[in-house]
Amino acid sequence: MRPPTLGLPRWRRRLRVQIVLCAFAAVHYQAAVAQKAEAKRPFNIPAQGAESALKVFSEQSGKSVIMNASTVGGIRTNRLNGAFAPLEALQHLLAGTGLIATPDEKSGAFVVHSKNKPR
């Protein structure tokens, strides 16, 4: 039994599949290029309170950070020293603190929130 052909000639069905695959590949290629384009920058942030550390991170990375002072209050971050892409640096800075950062695609800022609470 043959699958339904949807009334299209075989070459048009193949062409549609090829177009969809090319579009899929293009989207993934753009995402990979965008991620690689995020250049590494030097960071030197001592271990300190999260609010202060995130302000220093923002200055050194050139990226905005959105946070709630009550969420980051009383949390101490890790020391960060070396060259990192901004997201990678932020992940190292917040590792083991109970905080995570997610990039906001519209604004380009990072949103810092608790791992336990949805943002």
Protein backbone atom coordinates (compact mmCIF):
# COMPACT_ATOMS: atom_id res chain seq x y z
CA MET A 1 0.00 0.00 0.00
CA ARG A 2 1.42 3.39 -0.99
CA PRO A 3 1.25 6.42 1.28
CA PRO A 4 -1.11 9.21 0.26
CA THR A 5 0.47 11.60 -2.23
CA LEU A 6 -1.62 14.66 -1.40
CA GLY A 7 -2.17 15.10 -5.11
CA LEU A 8 1.33 16.52 -5.63
CA PRO A 9 3.87 15.17 -8.10
CA ARG A 10 6.80 13.37 -6.52
CA TRP A 11 9.32 16.09 -7.45
CA ARG A 12 7.24 18.76 -5.68
CA ARG A 13 7.02 16.67 -2.52
CA ARG A 14 10.79 16.19 -2.56
CA LEU A 15 11.31 19.89 -3.19
CA ARG A 16 9.13 20.76 -0.19
CA VAL A 17 11.12 18.40 2.03
CA GLN A 18 14.39 19.91 0.80
CA ILE A 19 13.14 23.45 1.47
CA VAL A 20 12.07 22.53 5.00
CA LEU A 21 15.43 20.87 5.70
CA CYS A 22 17.33 23.89 4.36
CA ALA A 23 15.28 26.25 6.51
CA PHE A 24 15.89 24.07 9.55
CA ALA A 25 19.64 24.01 8.87
CA ALA A 26 19.74 27.79 8.35
CA VAL A 27 18.05 28.46 11.70
CA HIS A 28 20.46 26.20 13.56
CA TYR A 29 23.44 27.69 11.73
CA GLN A 30 22.38 31.22 12.73
CA ALA A 31 22.01 30.16 16.36
CA ALA A 32 25.49 28.61 16.35
CA VAL A 33 27.02 31.70 14.73
CA ALA A 34 25.29 34.01 17.21
CA GLN A 35 26.59 31.95 20.12
CA LYS A 36 30.14 31.96 18.73
CA ALA A 37 29.95 35.67 18.00
CA GLU A 38 29.68 36.35 21.74
CA ALA A 39 33.32 37.27 22.24
CA LYS A 40 35.22 36.40 25.37
CA ARG A 41 35.98 39.28 27.70
CA PRO A 42 38.28 39.55 30.67
CA PHE A 43 36.58 39.35 34.07
CA ASN A 44 37.98 39.99 37.51
CA ILE A 45 35.22 39.81 40.12
CA PRO A 46 36.01 38.88 43.73
CA ALA A 47 33.69 36.67 45.75
CA GLN A 48 31.12 38.99 47.31
CA GLY A 49 27.42 39.59 47.82
CA ALA A 50 25.37 38.71 44.75
CA GLU A 51 23.91 42.17 44.24
CA SER A 52 27.36 43.80 44.21
CA ALA A 53 28.90 41.03 42.10
CA LEU A 54 26.14 41.28 39.50
CA LYS A 55 26.66 45.05 39.23
CA VAL A 56 30.38 44.51 38.66
CA PHE A 57 29.57 41.78 36.14
CA SER A 58 27.30 44.20 34.28
CA GLU A 59 30.07 46.82 34.14
CA GLN A 60 32.72 44.36 32.96
CA SER A 61 30.52 42.53 30.43
CA GLY A 62 28.65 45.52 29.03
CA LYS A 63 25.41 43.56 29.53
CA SER A 64 22.45 44.57 31.64
CA VAL A 65 21.37 42.35 34.52
CA ILE A 66 17.80 42.25 35.80
CA MET A 67 17.43 41.01 39.37
CA ASN A 68 15.21 41.31 42.39
CA ALA A 69 17.18 42.56 45.41
CA SER A 70 15.19 40.32 47.75
CA THR A 71 16.02 37.25 45.64
CA VAL A 72 19.78 37.89 45.55
CA GLY A 73 20.06 39.35 49.06
CA GLY A 74 22.20 37.34 51.46
CA ILE A 75 23.73 35.22 48.69
CA ARG A 76 27.47 35.19 48.11
CA THR A 77 28.86 34.59 44.62
CA ASN A 78 32.02 32.86 43.49
CA ARG A 79 35.22 34.62 42.48
CA LEU A 80 35.55 35.02 38.71
CA ASN A 81 38.87 35.65 37.06
CA GLY A 82 39.67 35.00 33.40
CA ALA A 83 38.33 35.44 29.89
CA PHE A 84 34.78 34.20 29.30
CA ALA A 85 31.78 34.83 27.10
CA PRO A 86 29.24 36.80 29.19
CA LEU A 87 26.79 33.92 29.74
CA GLU A 88 29.61 31.53 30.61
CA ALA A 89 31.03 34.07 33.07
CA LEU A 90 27.66 34.54 34.72
CA GLN A 91 27.19 30.78 35.03
CA HIS A 92 30.57 30.45 36.79
CA LEU A 93 29.83 33.43 39.02
CA LEU A 94 26.48 31.96 40.14
CA ALA A 95 27.46 28.26 40.31
CA GLY A 96 26.31 26.67 43.57
CA THR A 97 24.47 29.80 44.78
CA GLY A 98 20.93 28.68 44.03
CA LEU A 99 20.66 31.44 41.41
CA ILE A 100 20.53 31.05 37.65
CA ALA A 101 20.65 33.53 34.81
CA THR A 102 18.73 33.35 31.57
CA PRO A 103 19.26 35.65 28.59
CA ASP A 104 16.33 37.81 27.54
CA GLU A 105 16.34 37.72 23.73
CA LYS A 106 14.41 40.97 23.31
CA SER A 107 16.51 43.21 25.53
CA GLY A 108 19.83 41.35 25.47
CA ALA A 109 19.90 41.52 29.29
CA PHE A 110 20.34 38.62 31.68
CA VAL A 111 17.55 37.83 34.13
CA VAL A 112 18.78 36.41 37.43
CA HIS A 113 16.34 34.38 39.48
CA SER A 114 16.23 31.55 42.00
CA LYS A 115 16.49 28.00 40.72
CA ASN A 116 13.63 27.05 43.03
CA LYS A 117 11.17 29.71 41.97
CA PRO A 118 9.87 30.26 38.45
CA ARG A 119 10.60 33.72 37.12
